[in-house]
């Protein structure tokens, strides 16, 4: 009987302590990316974006589910398929693409302290087999306090 109580107590402790092992993802995170085209003018006379592009992630974890929004130069979009697993996160946003096509941006990464490192991939862009998926270098977002 005593062994059963000990096993139950250990199992209960592990169950209750498990959420505390997840990284704290809740809050606002901001990442800056260089202007398209590399330079301050964004790649040529008469066009391109001026200065770095800023992306804001407003994130909220509810157990393994991750919700929130991603706001960038082209507007704000709700997160879909968000997952929170320890220090690992993944989510996507869907937004209108070019020529009326829908584009999905998928994010996968990890949180460490006040840094959120994300790898982005694009689906649904024109060109190439399978919708022309495209990958970008990792993005580092800093927690806003």
C-alpha atoms as a PDB file:
ATOM      1  CA  UNK A   1       0.000   0.000   0.000  1.00  0.00           C
ATOM      2  CA  UNK A   2       2.810   2.382   0.899  1.00  0.00           C
ATOM      3  CA  UNK A   3       4.533   1.717  -2.466  1.00  0.00           C
ATOM      4  CA  UNK A   4       1.324   2.632  -4.308  1.00  0.00           C
ATOM      5  CA  UNK A   5       1.144   5.935  -2.426  1.00  0.00           C
ATOM      6  CA  UNK A   6       4.759   6.761  -3.266  1.00  0.00           C
ATOM      7  CA  UNK A   7       4.244   5.929  -6.953  1.00  0.00           C
ATOM      8  CA  UNK A   8       1.058   8.012  -7.017  1.00  0.00           C
ATOM      9  CA  UNK A   9       2.800  10.966  -5.326  1.00  0.00           C
ATOM     10  CA  UNK A  10       5.735  10.861  -7.769  1.00  0.00           C
ATOM     11  CA  UNK A  11       3.375  10.615 -10.774  1.00  0.00           C
ATOM     12  CA  UNK A  12       1.270  13.521  -9.502  1.00  0.00           C
ATOM     13  CA  UNK A  13       4.373  15.658  -8.959  1.00  0.00           C
ATOM     14  CA  UNK A  14       5.634  14.944 -12.492  1.00  0.00           C
ATOM     15  CA  UNK A  15       2.235  15.727 -13.997  1.00  0.00           C
ATOM     16  CA  UNK A  16       1.912  19.017 -12.117  1.00  0.00           C
ATOM     17  CA  UNK A  17       5.531  20.055 -12.710  1.00  0.00           C
ATOM     18  CA  UNK A  18       5.544  19.318 -16.465  1.00  0.00           C
ATOM     19  CA  UNK A  19       4.076  22.681 -17.537  1.00  0.00           C
ATOM     20  CA  UNK A  20       6.852  24.488 -15.648  1.00  0.00           C
ATOM     21  CA  UNK A  21       9.453  22.898 -17.953  1.00  0.00           C
ATOM     22  CA  UNK A  22       8.004  24.669 -21.006  1.00  0.00           C
ATOM     23  CA  UNK A  23       9.809  27.833 -22.036  1.00  0.00           C
ATOM     24  CA  UNK A  24       7.988  31.101 -21.350  1.00  0.00           C
ATOM     25  CA  UNK A  25       6.776  32.130 -24.809  1.00  0.00           C
ATOM     26  CA  UNK A  26       3.939  34.477 -23.774  1.00  0.00           C
ATOM     27  CA  UNK A  27       4.389  38.097 -24.756  1.00  0.00           C
ATOM     28  CA  UNK A  28       5.561  40.351 -27.541  1.00  0.00           C
ATOM     29  CA  UNK A  29       8.651  39.541 -29.601  1.00  0.00           C
ATOM     30  CA  UNK A  30      10.177  41.838 -32.242  1.00  0.00           C
ATOM     31  CA  UNK A  31      12.535  40.889 -35.067  1.00  0.00           C
ATOM     32  CA  UNK A  32      14.245  43.147 -37.590  1.00  0.00           C
ATOM     33  CA  UNK A  33      15.270  42.025 -41.061  1.00  0.00           C
ATOM     34  CA  UNK A  34      17.329  44.004 -43.554  1.00  0.00           C
ATOM     35  CA  UNK A  35      15.471  45.777 -46.343  1.00  0.00           C
ATOM     36  CA  UNK A  36      14.798  43.684 -49.422  1.00  0.00           C
ATOM     37  CA  UNK A  37      17.690  44.208 -51.808  1.00  0.00           C
ATOM     38  CA  UNK A  38      20.216  44.544 -49.001  1.00  0.00           C
ATOM     39  CA  UNK A  39      20.747  48.296 -48.914  1.00  0.00           C
ATOM     40  CA  UNK A  40      18.942  51.096 -47.135  1.00  0.00           C
ATOM     41  CA  UNK A  41      16.877  51.825 -50.248  1.00  0.00           C
ATOM     42  CA  UNK A  42      15.814  48.245 -50.766  1.00  0.00           C
ATOM     43  CA  UNK A  43      17.427  47.446 -54.075  1.00  0.00           C
ATOM     44  CA  UNK A  44      17.236  50.190 -56.574  1.00  0.00           C
ATOM     45  CA  UNK A  45      15.982  53.596 -57.551  1.00  0.00           C
ATOM     46  CA  UNK A  46      12.286  54.252 -57.234  1.00  0.00           C
ATOM     47  CA  UNK A  47      11.422  51.050 -55.414  1.00  0.00           C
ATOM     48  CA  UNK A  48      11.980  48.818 -52.501  1.00  0.00           C
ATOM     49  CA  UNK A  49      11.489  49.286 -48.852  1.00  0.00           C
ATOM     50  CA  UNK A  50      13.345  51.908 -46.846  1.00  0.00           C
ATOM     51  CA  UNK A  51      15.289  50.669 -43.810  1.00  0.00           C
ATOM     52  CA  UNK A  52      14.954  47.383 -41.958  1.00  0.00           C
ATOM     53  CA  UNK A  53      11.637  45.525 -41.869  1.00  0.00           C
ATOM     54  CA  UNK A  54      10.183  44.876 -38.441  1.00  0.00           C
ATOM     55  CA  UNK A  55       7.998  41.865 -37.566  1.00  0.00           C
ATOM     56  CA  UNK A  56       6.113  41.669 -34.264  1.00  0.00           C
ATOM     57  CA  UNK A  57       4.989  38.345 -32.800  1.00  0.00           C
ATOM     58  CA  UNK A  58       2.303  38.477 -30.095  1.00  0.00           C
ATOM     59  CA  UNK A  59       2.285  34.965 -28.641  1.00  0.00           C
ATOM     60  CA  UNK A  60       0.211  33.149 -26.019  1.00  0.00           C
ATOM     61  CA  UNK A  61       0.665  29.525 -24.952  1.00  0.00           C
ATOM     62  CA  UNK A  62      -2.138  27.440 -23.499  1.00  0.00           C
ATOM     63  CA  UNK A  63      -0.419  24.150 -22.707  1.00  0.00           C
ATOM     64  CA  UNK A  64       0.781  22.728 -26.030  1.00  0.00           C
ATOM     65  CA  UNK A  65      -1.375  25.145 -28.061  1.00  0.00           C
ATOM     66  CA  UNK A  66       0.141  28.413 -29.295  1.00  0.00           C
ATOM     67  CA  UNK A  67      -2.020  31.321 -30.452  1.00  0.00           C
ATOM     68  CA  UNK A  68      -1.487  34.968 -31.319  1.00  0.00           C
ATOM     69  CA  UNK A  69      -0.694  37.238 -34.237  1.00  0.00           C
ATOM     70  CA  UNK A  70       2.188  38.162 -36.520  1.00  0.00           C
ATOM     71  CA  UNK A  71       2.368  41.797 -37.629  1.00  0.00           C
ATOM     72  CA  UNK A  72       4.687  42.955 -40.390  1.00  0.00           C
ATOM     73  CA  UNK A  73       4.932  45.486 -43.217  1.00  0.00           C
ATOM     74  CA  UNK A  74       2.029  43.806 -45.051  1.00  0.00           C
ATOM     75  CA  UNK A  75      -0.419  43.716 -42.133  1.00  0.00           C
ATOM     76  CA  UNK A  76      -1.357  41.571 -39.163  1.00  0.00           C
ATOM     77  CA  UNK A  77      -2.412  37.921 -39.384  1.00  0.00           C
ATOM     78  CA  UNK A  78      -3.684  35.311 -36.904  1.00  0.00           C
ATOM     79  CA  UNK A  79      -1.497  32.326 -36.091  1.00  0.00           C
ATOM     80  CA  UNK A  80      -2.820  28.926 -37.212  1.00  0.00           C
ATOM     81  CA  UNK A  81      -1.613  25.451 -36.255  1.00  0.00           C
ATOM     82  CA  UNK A  82       0.432  26.822 -33.348  1.00  0.00           C
ATOM     83  CA  UNK A  83       2.294  24.325 -31.171  1.00  0.00           C
ATOM     84  CA  UNK A  84       4.373  24.820 -28.036  1.00  0.00           C
ATOM     85  CA  UNK A  85       6.573  21.913 -26.938  1.00  0.00           C
ATOM     86  CA  UNK A  86       9.105  22.794 -24.259  1.00  0.00           C
ATOM     87  CA  UNK A  87      11.494  25.283 -25.834  1.00  0.00           C
ATOM     88  CA  UNK A  88      10.306  24.376 -29.382  1.00  0.00           C
ATOM     89  CA  UNK A  89       7.563  26.287 -31.178  1.00  0.00           C
ATOM     90  CA  UNK A  90       5.904  26.031 -34.571  1.00  0.00           C
ATOM     91  CA  UNK A  91       3.077  27.956 -36.197  1.00  0.00           C
ATOM     92  CA  UNK A  92       1.893  29.355 -39.505  1.00  0.00           C
ATOM     93  CA  UNK A  93       0.130  32.422 -40.846  1.00  0.00           C
ATOM     94  CA  UNK A  94      -1.947  32.583 -44.002  1.00  0.00           C
ATOM     95  CA  UNK A  95      -2.303  35.764 -45.961  1.00  0.00           C
ATOM     96  CA  UNK A  96      -3.190  36.908 -49.441  1.00  0.00           C
ATOM     97  CA  UNK A  97      -0.321  36.423 -51.846  1.00  0.00           C
ATOM     98  CA  UNK A  98       0.319  37.701 -55.314  1.00  0.00           C
ATOM     99  CA  UNK A  99      -2.303  37.532 -58.049  1.00  0.00           C
ATOM    100  CA  UNK A 100      -5.042  36.456 -55.624  1.00  0.00           C
ATOM    101  CA  UNK A 101      -3.237  33.323 -54.390  1.00  0.00           C
ATOM    102  CA  UNK A 102      -3.093  32.514 -50.688  1.00  0.00           C
ATOM    103  CA  UNK A 103       0.378  32.279 -49.179  1.00  0.00           C
ATOM    104  CA  UNK A 104       1.314  30.355 -46.021  1.00  0.00           C
ATOM    105  CA  UNK A 105       4.351  31.346 -43.990  1.00  0.00           C
ATOM    106  CA  UNK A 106       5.506  28.576 -41.644  1.00  0.00           C
ATOM    107  CA  UNK A 107       7.671  29.283 -38.627  1.00  0.00           C
ATOM    108  CA  UNK A 108       9.655  26.716 -36.611  1.00  0.00           C
ATOM    109  CA  UNK A 109      12.123  27.457 -33.898  1.00  0.00           C
ATOM    110  CA  UNK A 110      13.060  27.657 -30.263  1.00  0.00           C
ATOM    111  CA  UNK A 111      13.035  30.071 -27.376  1.00  0.00           C
ATOM    112  CA  UNK A 112      15.995  30.630 -25.091  1.00  0.00           C
ATOM    113  CA  UNK A 113      15.625  33.319 -22.460  1.00  0.00           C
ATOM    114  CA  UNK A 114      14.663  36.538 -24.219  1.00  0.00           C
ATOM    115  CA  UNK A 115      15.501  35.303 -27.746  1.00  0.00           C
ATOM    116  CA  UNK A 116      13.172  33.502 -30.113  1.00  0.00           C
ATOM    117  CA  UNK A 117      14.981  32.004 -33.113  1.00  0.00           C
ATOM    118  CA  UNK A 118      12.693  31.096 -36.023  1.00  0.00           C
ATOM    119  CA  UNK A 119      13.197  29.472 -39.388  1.00  0.00           C
ATOM    120  CA  UNK A 120      10.667  30.667 -41.962  1.00  0.00           C
ATOM    121  CA  UNK A 121       9.448  28.898 -45.065  1.00  0.00           C
ATOM    122  CA  UNK A 122       6.968  30.138 -47.650  1.00  0.00           C
ATOM    123  CA  UNK A 123       4.369  28.051 -49.447  1.00  0.00           C
ATOM    124  CA  UNK A 124       1.980  29.012 -52.196  1.00  0.00           C
ATOM    125  CA  UNK A 125       4.218  31.435 -54.047  1.00  0.00           C
ATOM    126  CA  UNK A 126       4.179  31.232 -57.813  1.00  0.00           C
ATOM    127  CA  UNK A 127       6.881  29.401 -59.695  1.00  0.00           C
ATOM    128  CA  UNK A 128       8.582  26.107 -59.105  1.00  0.00           C
ATOM    129  CA  UNK A 129       7.114  22.698 -58.455  1.00  0.00           C
ATOM    130  CA  UNK A 130       4.717  22.335 -55.532  1.00  0.00           C
ATOM    131  CA  UNK A 131       3.877  26.025 -55.307  1.00  0.00           C
ATOM    132  CA  UNK A 132       7.396  27.403 -55.275  1.00  0.00           C
ATOM    133  CA  UNK A 133       8.283  26.997 -51.597  1.00  0.00           C
ATOM    134  CA  UNK A 134      11.088  29.285 -50.462  1.00  0.00           C
ATOM    135  CA  UNK A 135      13.214  29.298 -47.303  1.00  0.00           C
ATOM    136  CA  UNK A 136      14.817  32.251 -45.570  1.00  0.00           C
ATOM    137  CA  UNK A 137      17.753  32.510 -43.145  1.00  0.00           C
ATOM    138  CA  UNK A 138      16.847  32.201 -39.434  1.00  0.00           C
ATOM    139  CA  UNK A 139      15.120  35.152 -37.824  1.00  0.00           C
ATOM    140  CA  UNK A 140      15.930  36.228 -34.243  1.00  0.00           C
ATOM    141  CA  UNK A 141      13.212  38.024 -32.288  1.00  0.00           C
ATOM    142  CA  UNK A 142      13.825  39.752 -28.959  1.00  0.00           C
ATOM    143  CA  UNK A 143      11.300  39.748 -26.113  1.00  0.00           C
ATOM    144  CA  UNK A 144       9.827  43.201 -25.458  1.00  0.00           C
ATOM    145  CA  UNK A 145       9.571  44.149 -21.805  1.00  0.00           C
END
